[in-house]
Structure formats: C-alpha cells, structure tokens
PDB file of all heavy atoms in Angstrom:
ATOM      1  N   LEU A   1      15.924  86.923  72.664  1.00  0.00           N
ATOM      2  CA  LEU A   1      15.824  85.790  73.592  1.00  0.00           C
ATOM      3  C   LEU A   1      14.688  84.851  73.187  1.00  0.00           C
ATOM      4  O   LEU A   1      13.544  85.277  72.998  1.00  0.00           O
ATOM      5  CB  LEU A   1      15.582  86.304  75.017  1.00  0.00           C
ATOM      6  CG  LEU A   1      15.499  85.236  76.119  1.00  0.00           C
ATOM      7  CD1 LEU A   1      16.810  84.469  76.223  1.00  0.00           C
ATOM      8  CD2 LEU A   1      15.134  85.882  77.451  1.00  0.00           C
ATOM      9  N   GLU A   2      15.036  83.574  73.066  1.00  0.00           N
ATOM     10  CA  GLU A   2      14.063  82.525  72.757  1.00  0.00           C
ATOM     11  C   GLU A   2      14.096  81.495  73.889  1.00  0.00           C
ATOM     12  O   GLU A   2      15.136  80.879  74.139  1.00  0.00           O
ATOM     13  CB  GLU A   2      14.414  81.825  71.431  1.00  0.00           C
ATOM     14  CG  GLU A   2      14.403  82.723  70.213  1.00  0.00           C
ATOM     15  CD  GLU A   2      13.026  82.817  69.564  1.00  0.00           C
ATOM     16  OE1 GLU A   2      12.132  82.042  69.983  1.00  0.00           O
ATOM     17  OE2 GLU A   2      12.855  83.646  68.656  1.00  0.00           O
ATOM     18  N   LEU A   3      12.971  81.323  74.562  1.00  0.00           N
ATOM     19  CA  LEU A   3      12.848  80.301  75.597  1.00  0.00           C
ATOM     20  C   LEU A   3      11.686  79.396  75.243  1.00  0.00           C
ATOM     21  O   LEU A   3      10.630  79.871  74.783  1.00  0.00           O
ATOM     22  CB  LEU A   3      12.630  80.948  76.975  1.00  0.00           C
ATOM     23  CG  LEU A   3      13.767  81.808  77.518  1.00  0.00           C
ATOM     24  CD1 LEU A   3      13.396  82.397  78.871  1.00  0.00           C
ATOM     25  CD2 LEU A   3      15.061  81.012  77.636  1.00  0.00           C
ATOM     26  N   ARG A   4      11.873  78.088  75.470  1.00  0.00           N
ATOM     27  CA  ARG A   4      10.872  77.123  75.055  1.00  0.00           C
ATOM     28  C   ARG A   4      10.536  76.164  76.198  1.00  0.00           C
ATOM     29  O   ARG A   4      11.328  75.958  77.105  1.00  0.00           O
ATOM     30  CB  ARG A   4      11.366  76.310  73.852  1.00  0.00           C
ATOM     31  CG  ARG A   4      11.765  77.128  72.648  1.00  0.00           C
ATOM     32  CD  ARG A   4      12.173  76.228  71.488  1.00  0.00           C
ATOM     33  NE  ARG A   4      11.087  75.378  71.052  1.00  0.00           N
ATOM     34  CZ  ARG A   4      10.146  75.756  70.196  1.00  0.00           C
ATOM     35  NH1 ARG A   4      10.165  76.960  69.671  1.00  0.00           N
ATOM     36  NH2 ARG A   4       9.186  74.919  69.852  1.00  0.00           N
ATOM     37  N   SER A   5       9.344  75.591  76.117  1.00  0.00           N
ATOM     38  CA  SER A   5       8.950  74.486  76.981  1.00  0.00           C
ATOM     39  C   SER A   5       8.511  73.343  76.087  1.00  0.00           C
ATOM     40  O   SER A   5       8.478  73.479  74.860  1.00  0.00           O
ATOM     41  CB  SER A   5       7.813  74.906  77.912  1.00  0.00           C
ATOM     42  OG  SER A   5       6.598  75.024  77.185  1.00  0.00           O
ATOM     43  N   ALA A   6       8.127  72.228  76.713  1.00  0.00           N
ATOM     44  CA  ALA A   6       7.665  71.085  75.923  1.00  0.00           C
ATOM     45  C   ALA A   6       6.399  71.420  75.149  1.00  0.00           C
ATOM     46  O   ALA A   6       6.078  70.778  74.150  1.00  0.00           O
ATOM     47  CB  ALA A   6       7.420  69.884  76.843  1.00  0.00           C
ATOM     48  N   ARG A   7       5.667  72.429  75.606  1.00  0.00           N
ATOM     49  CA  ARG A   7       4.414  72.807  74.945  1.00  0.00           C
ATOM     50  C   ARG A   7       4.606  73.840  73.843  1.00  0.00           C
ATOM     51  O   ARG A   7       3.655  74.197  73.167  1.00  0.00           O
ATOM     52  CB  ARG A   7       3.425  73.350  75.990  1.00  0.00           C
ATOM     53  CG  ARG A   7       2.970  72.289  76.997  1.00  0.00           C
ATOM     54  CD  ARG A   7       2.061  72.890  78.046  1.00  0.00           C
ATOM     55  NE  ARG A   7       2.774  73.790  78.937  1.00  0.00           N
ATOM     56  CZ  ARG A   7       3.436  73.402  80.024  1.00  0.00           C
ATOM     57  NH1 ARG A   7       3.485  72.117  80.339  1.00  0.00           N
ATOM     58  NH2 ARG A   7       4.062  74.279  80.787  1.00  0.00           N
ATOM     59  N   GLY A   8       5.854  74.347  73.690  1.00  0.00           N
ATOM     60  CA  GLY A   8       6.109  75.317  72.630  1.00  0.00           C
ATOM     61  C   GLY A   8       6.843  76.537  73.151  1.00  0.00           C
ATOM     62  O   GLY A   8       7.298  76.582  74.298  1.00  0.00           O
ATOM     63  N   PRO A   9       6.956  77.596  72.316  1.00  0.00           N
ATOM     64  CA  PRO A   9       7.683  78.804  72.705  1.00  0.00           C
ATOM     65  C   PRO A   9       7.033  79.504  73.895  1.00  0.00           C
ATOM     66  O   PRO A   9       5.815  79.586  73.995  1.00  0.00           O
ATOM     67  CB  PRO A   9       7.610  79.683  71.453  1.00  0.00           C
ATOM     68  CG  PRO A   9       7.293  78.755  70.333  1.00  0.00           C
ATOM     69  CD  PRO A   9       6.455  77.663  70.926  1.00  0.00           C
ATOM     70  N   VAL A  10       7.883  80.010  74.797  1.00  0.00           N
ATOM     71  CA  VAL A  10       7.424  80.811  75.933  1.00  0.00           C
ATOM     72  C   VAL A  10       7.779  82.274  75.713  1.00  0.00           C
ATOM     73  O   VAL A  10       6.969  83.162  75.939  1.00  0.00           O
ATOM     74  CB  VAL A  10       8.037  80.296  77.254  1.00  0.00           C
ATOM     75  CG1 VAL A  10       7.583  81.152  78.433  1.00  0.00           C
ATOM     76  CG2 VAL A  10       7.666  78.834  77.475  1.00  0.00           C
ATOM     77  N   LEU A  11       9.008  82.532  75.283  1.00  0.00           N
ATOM     78  CA  LEU A  11       9.425  83.865  74.853  1.00  0.00           C
ATOM     79  C   LEU A  11       9.924  83.760  73.420  1.00  0.00           C
ATOM     80  O   LEU A  11      10.689  82.852  73.086  1.00  0.00           O
ATOM     81  CB  LEU A  11      10.528  84.420  75.758  1.00  0.00           C
ATOM     82  CG  LEU A  11      10.129  84.758  77.205  1.00  0.00           C
ATOM     83  CD1 LEU A  11      11.341  85.246  77.990  1.00  0.00           C
ATOM     84  CD2 LEU A  11       9.016  85.806  77.254  1.00  0.00           C
ATOM     85  N   ARG A  12       9.507  84.719  72.580  1.00  0.00           N
ATOM     86  CA  ARG A  12       9.769  84.631  71.145  1.00  0.00           C
ATOM     87  C   ARG A  12      10.533  85.872  70.677  1.00  0.00           C
ATOM     88  O   ARG A  12       9.933  86.931  70.458  1.00  0.00           O
ATOM     89  CB  ARG A  12       8.464  84.519  70.365  1.00  0.00           C
ATOM     90  CG  ARG A  12       7.511  83.441  70.887  1.00  0.00           C
ATOM     91  CD  ARG A  12       6.114  83.675  70.337  1.00  0.00           C
ATOM     92  NE  ARG A  12       5.107  82.816  70.953  1.00  0.00           N
ATOM     93  CZ  ARG A  12       4.542  81.773  70.352  1.00  0.00           C
ATOM     94  NH1 ARG A  12       4.879  81.460  69.120  1.00  0.00           N
ATOM     95  NH2 ARG A  12       3.626  81.059  70.983  1.00  0.00           N
ATOM     96  N   GLY A  13      11.852  85.771  70.558  1.00  0.00           N
ATOM     97  CA  GLY A  13      12.651  86.858  70.008  1.00  0.00           C
ATOM     98  C   GLY A  13      12.562  88.149  70.792  1.00  0.00           C
ATOM     99  O   GLY A  13      12.482  89.236  70.207  1.00  0.00           O
ATOM    100  N   VAL A  14      12.617  88.068  72.115  1.00  0.00           N
ATOM    101  CA  VAL A  14      12.484  89.259  72.962  1.00  0.00           C
ATOM    102  C   VAL A  14      13.811  90.009  73.022  1.00  0.00           C
ATOM    103  O   VAL A  14      14.854  89.432  73.329  1.00  0.00           O
ATOM    104  CB  VAL A  14      12.030  88.864  74.380  1.00  0.00           C
ATOM    105  CG1 VAL A  14      12.132  90.047  75.336  1.00  0.00           C
ATOM    106  CG2 VAL A  14      10.613  88.323  74.338  1.00  0.00           C
ATOM    107  N   SER A  15      13.763  91.307  72.747  1.00  0.00           N
ATOM    108  CA  SER A  15      14.941  92.169  72.840  1.00  0.00           C
ATOM    109  C   SER A  15      14.554  93.451  73.562  1.00  0.00           C
ATOM    110  O   SER A  15      13.541  94.083  73.233  1.00  0.00           O
ATOM    111  CB  SER A  15      15.482  92.525  71.453  1.00  0.00           C
ATOM    112  OG  SER A  15      15.921  91.375  70.763  1.00  0.00           O
ATOM    113  N   LEU A  16      15.356  93.828  74.556  1.00  0.00           N
ATOM    114  CA  LEU A  16      15.157  95.104  75.251  1.00  0.00           C
ATOM    115  C   LEU A  16      16.437  95.465  75.980  1.00  0.00           C
ATOM    116  O   LEU A  16      17.316  94.628  76.170  1.00  0.00           O
ATOM    117  CB  LEU A  16      13.965  95.051  76.207  1.00  0.00           C
ATOM    118  CG  LEU A  16      13.951  94.003  77.327  1.00  0.00           C
ATOM    119  CD1 LEU A  16      14.683  94.513  78.572  1.00  0.00           C
ATOM    120  CD2 LEU A  16      12.506  93.656  77.704  1.00  0.00           C
ATOM    121  N   ALA A  17      16.547  96.740  76.371  1.00  0.00           N
ATOM    122  CA  ALA A  17      17.728  97.208  77.086  1.00  0.00           C
ATOM    123  C   ALA A  17      17.318  98.285  78.077  1.00  0.00           C
ATOM    124  O   ALA A  17      16.330  98.994  77.876  1.00  0.00           O
ATOM    125  CB  ALA A  17      18.771  97.747  76.108  1.00  0.00           C
ATOM    126  N   ALA A  18      18.080  98.388  79.161  1.00  0.00           N
ATOM    127  CA  ALA A  18      17.837  99.422  80.166  1.00  0.00           C
ATOM    128  C   ALA A  18      19.176  99.886  80.709  1.00  0.00           C
ATOM    129  O   ALA A  18      20.055  99.070  81.002  1.00  0.00           O
ATOM    130  CB  ALA A  18      16.970  98.881  81.304  1.00  0.00           C
ATOM    131  N   GLY A  19      19.341 101.211  80.834  1.00  0.00           N
ATOM    132  CA  GLY A  19      20.580 101.773  81.345  1.00  0.00           C
ATOM    133  C   GLY A  19      20.608 101.779  82.861  1.00  0.00           C
ATOM    134  O   GLY A  19      19.609 101.496  83.532  1.00  0.00           O
ATOM    135  N   ALA A  20      21.765 102.122  83.424  1.00  0.00           N
ATOM    136  CA  ALA A  20      21.914 102.199  84.873  1.00  0.00           C
ATOM    137  C   ALA A  20      20.936 103.232  85.423  1.00  0.00           C
ATOM    138  O   ALA A  20      20.842 104.346  84.912  1.00  0.00           O
ATOM    139  CB  ALA A  20      23.345 102.567  85.237  1.00  0.00           C
ATOM    140  N   GLY A  21      20.187 102.840  86.445  1.00  0.00           N
ATOM    141  CA  GLY A  21      19.235 103.751  87.065  1.00  0.00           C
ATOM    142  C   GLY A  21      17.936 103.924  86.308  1.00  0.00           C
ATOM    143  O   GLY A  21      17.057 104.656  86.754  1.00  0.00           O
ATOM    144  N   GLU A  22      17.776 103.244  85.180  1.00  0.00           N
ATOM    145  CA  GLU A  22      16.530 103.370  84.413  1.00  0.00           C
ATOM    146  C   GLU A  22      15.484 102.414  84.976  1.00  0.00           C
ATOM    147  O   GLU A  22      15.795 101.315  85.433  1.00  0.00           O
ATOM    148  CB  GLU A  22      16.780 103.031  82.940  1.00  0.00           C
ATOM    149  CG  GLU A  22      15.563 103.256  82.046  1.00  0.00           C
ATOM    150  CD  GLU A  22      15.842 103.010  80.576  1.00  0.00           C
ATOM    151  OE1 GLU A  22      16.984 102.628  80.238  1.00  0.00           O
ATOM    152  OE2 GLU A  22      14.912 103.189  79.761  1.00  0.00           O
ATOM    153  N   ALA A  23      14.229 102.851  84.942  1.00  0.00           N
ATOM    154  CA  ALA A  23      13.118 102.019  85.422  1.00  0.00           C
ATOM    155  C   ALA A  23      12.286 101.580  84.225  1.00  0.00           C
ATOM    156  O   ALA A  23      11.792 102.412  83.462  1.00  0.00           O
ATOM    157  CB  ALA A  23      12.256 102.789  86.411  1.00  0.00           C
ATOM    158  N   LEU A  24      12.133 100.274  84.090  1.00  0.00           N
ATOM    159  CA  LEU A  24      11.442  99.682  82.951  1.00  0.00           C
ATOM    160  C   LEU A  24      10.354  98.745  83.456  1.00  0.00           C
ATOM    161  O   LEU A  24      10.618  97.894  84.309  1.00  0.00           O
ATOM    162  CB  LEU A  24      12.450  98.903  82.095  1.00  0.00           C
ATOM    163  CG  LEU A  24      11.929  98.087  80.917  1.00  0.00           C
ATOM    164  CD1 LEU A  24      11.348  99.004  79.845  1.00  0.00           C
ATOM    165  CD2 LEU A  24      13.049  97.232  80.326  1.00  0.00           C
ATOM    166  N   ALA A  25       9.146  98.904  82.967  1.00  0.00           N
ATOM    167  CA  ALA A  25       8.045  98.014  83.334  1.00  0.00           C
ATOM    168  C   ALA A  25       7.765  97.057  82.190  1.00  0.00           C
ATOM    169  O   ALA A  25       7.716  97.461  81.024  1.00  0.00           O
ATOM    170  CB  ALA A  25       6.789  98.817  83.654  1.00  0.00           C
ATOM    171  N   VAL A  26       7.586  95.782  82.522  1.00  0.00           N
ATOM    172  CA  VAL A  26       7.145  94.773  81.559  1.00  0.00           C
ATOM    173  C   VAL A  26       5.750  94.349  81.989  1.00  0.00           C
ATOM    174  O   VAL A  26       5.562  93.810  83.082  1.00  0.00           O
ATOM    175  CB  VAL A  26       8.095  93.562  81.516  1.00  0.00           C
ATOM    176  CG1 VAL A  26       7.567  92.501  80.560  1.00  0.00           C
ATOM    177  CG2 VAL A  26       9.495  94.000  81.107  1.00  0.00           C
ATOM    178  N   VAL A  27       4.759  94.615  81.161  1.00  0.00           N
ATOM    179  CA  VAL A  27       3.370  94.344  81.508  1.00  0.00           C
ATOM    180  C   VAL A  27       2.770  93.374  80.494  1.00  0.00           C
ATOM    181  O   VAL A  27       3.266  93.219  79.385  1.00  0.00           O
ATOM    182  CB  VAL A  27       2.524  95.639  81.563  1.00  0.00           C
ATOM    183  CG1 VAL A  27       3.141  96.652  82.509  1.00  0.00           C
ATOM    184  CG2 VAL A  27       2.354  96.253  80.178  1.00  0.00           C
ATOM    185  N   GLY A  28       1.692  92.737  80.909  1.00  0.00           N
ATOM    186  CA  GLY A  28       1.006  91.807  80.022  1.00  0.00           C
ATOM    187  C   GLY A  28       0.023  90.974  80.809  1.00  0.00           C
ATOM    188  O   GLY A  28       0.038  90.960  82.044  1.00  0.00           O
ATOM    189  N   ALA A  29      -0.833  90.283  80.089  1.00  0.00           N
ATOM    190  CA  ALA A  29      -1.830  89.438  80.727  1.00  0.00           C
ATOM    191  C   ALA A  29      -1.162  88.258  81.417  1.00  0.00           C
ATOM    192  O   ALA A  29       0.003  87.927  81.153  1.00  0.00           O
ATOM    193  CB  ALA A  29      -2.838  88.940  79.685  1.00  0.00           C
ATOM    194  N   SER A  30      -1.895  87.615  82.298  1.00  0.00           N
ATOM    195  CA  SER A  30      -1.412  86.418  82.968  1.00  0.00           C
ATOM    196  C   SER A  30      -1.030  85.369  81.930  1.00  0.00           C
ATOM    197  O   SER A  30      -1.774  85.113  80.980  1.00  0.00           O
ATOM    198  CB  SER A  30      -2.510  85.874  83.890  1.00  0.00           C
ATOM    199  OG  SER A  30      -2.119  84.683  84.486  1.00  0.00           O
ATOM    200  N   GLY A  31       0.171  84.777  82.098  1.00  0.00           N
ATOM    201  CA  GLY A  31       0.627  83.749  81.166  1.00  0.00           C
ATOM    202  C   GLY A  31       1.329  84.282  79.936  1.00  0.00           C
ATOM    203  O   GLY A  31       1.678  83.506  79.035  1.00  0.00           O
ATOM    204  N   SER A  32       1.588  85.598  79.885  1.00  0.00           N
ATOM    205  CA  SER A  32       2.217  86.171  78.693  1.00  0.00           C
ATOM    206  C   SER A  32       3.725  85.979  78.662  1.00  0.00           C
ATOM    207  O   SER A  32       4.361  86.257  77.645  1.00  0.00           O
ATOM    208  CB  SER A  32       1.892  87.672  78.591  1.00  0.00           C
ATOM    209  OG  SER A  32       2.364  88.368  79.726  1.00  0.00           O
ATOM    210  N   GLY A  33       4.328  85.527  79.778  1.00  0.00           N
ATOM    211  CA  GLY A  33       5.768  85.278  79.811  1.00  0.00           C
ATOM    212  C   GLY A  33       6.536  86.260  80.680  1.00  0.00           C
ATOM    213  O   GLY A  33       7.773  86.228  80.694  1.00  0.00           O
ATOM    214  N   LYS A  34       5.836  87.103  81.449  1.00  0.00           N
ATOM    215  CA  LYS A  34       6.503  88.151  82.229  1.00  0.00           C
ATOM    216  C   LYS A  34       7.464  87.573  83.273  1.00  0.00           C
ATOM    217  O   LYS A  34       8.624  87.984  83.358  1.00  0.00           O
ATOM    218  CB  LYS A  34       5.463  89.037  82.937  1.00  0.00           C
ATOM    219  CG  LYS A  34       4.421  89.669  82.041  1.00  0.00           C
ATOM    220  CD  LYS A  34       3.534  90.645  82.791  1.00  0.00           C
ATOM    221  CE  LYS A  34       2.775  90.033  83.965  1.00  0.00           C
ATOM    222  NZ  LYS A  34       1.808  89.005  83.574  1.00  0.00           N
ATOM    223  N   THR A  35       6.969  86.629  84.073  1.00  0.00           N
ATOM    224  CA  THR A  35       7.807  86.082  85.138  1.00  0.00           C
ATOM    225  C   THR A  35       8.971  85.285  84.563  1.00  0.00           C
ATOM    226  O   THR A  35      10.090  85.336  85.094  1.00  0.00           O
ATOM    227  CB  THR A  35       6.960  85.205  86.079  1.00  0.00           C
ATOM    228  OG1 THR A  35       6.007  86.028  86.749  1.00  0.00           O
ATOM    229  CG2 THR A  35       7.825  84.502  87.117  1.00  0.00           C
ATOM    230  N   THR A  36       8.757  84.554  83.478  1.00  0.00           N
ATOM    231  CA  THR A  36       9.850  83.815  82.829  1.00  0.00           C
ATOM    232  C   THR A  36      10.940  84.771  82.381  1.00  0.00           C
ATOM    233  O   THR A  36      12.134  84.493  82.533  1.00  0.00           O
ATOM    234  CB  THR A  36       9.303  83.023  81.625  1.00  0.00           C
ATOM    235  OG1 THR A  36       8.314  82.099  82.079  1.00  0.00           O
ATOM    236  CG2 THR A  36      10.414  82.258  80.927  1.00  0.00           C
TER     237      THR A  36
END
C-alpha cells in the first residue's frame, strides 16, 4: 500500500495480513501513519 499527500509519502509499501479472529497491533510514534 502506497498513500501520498501533497507533502510526500504517508505510507510506503505497507504489506500485512490478519486471519479471522486474529489480533494485530500496529504501533509507532505520533505521525508515523498509524491512523491513516
């Protein structure tokens, strides 16, 4: 996944998968792209 804004890349080649019922945490500093 590649997502961009006018200021540049927001997400850069992100790949992940989760099965049914699996719990996955995405962590990172503020502004790292988690909410996007």
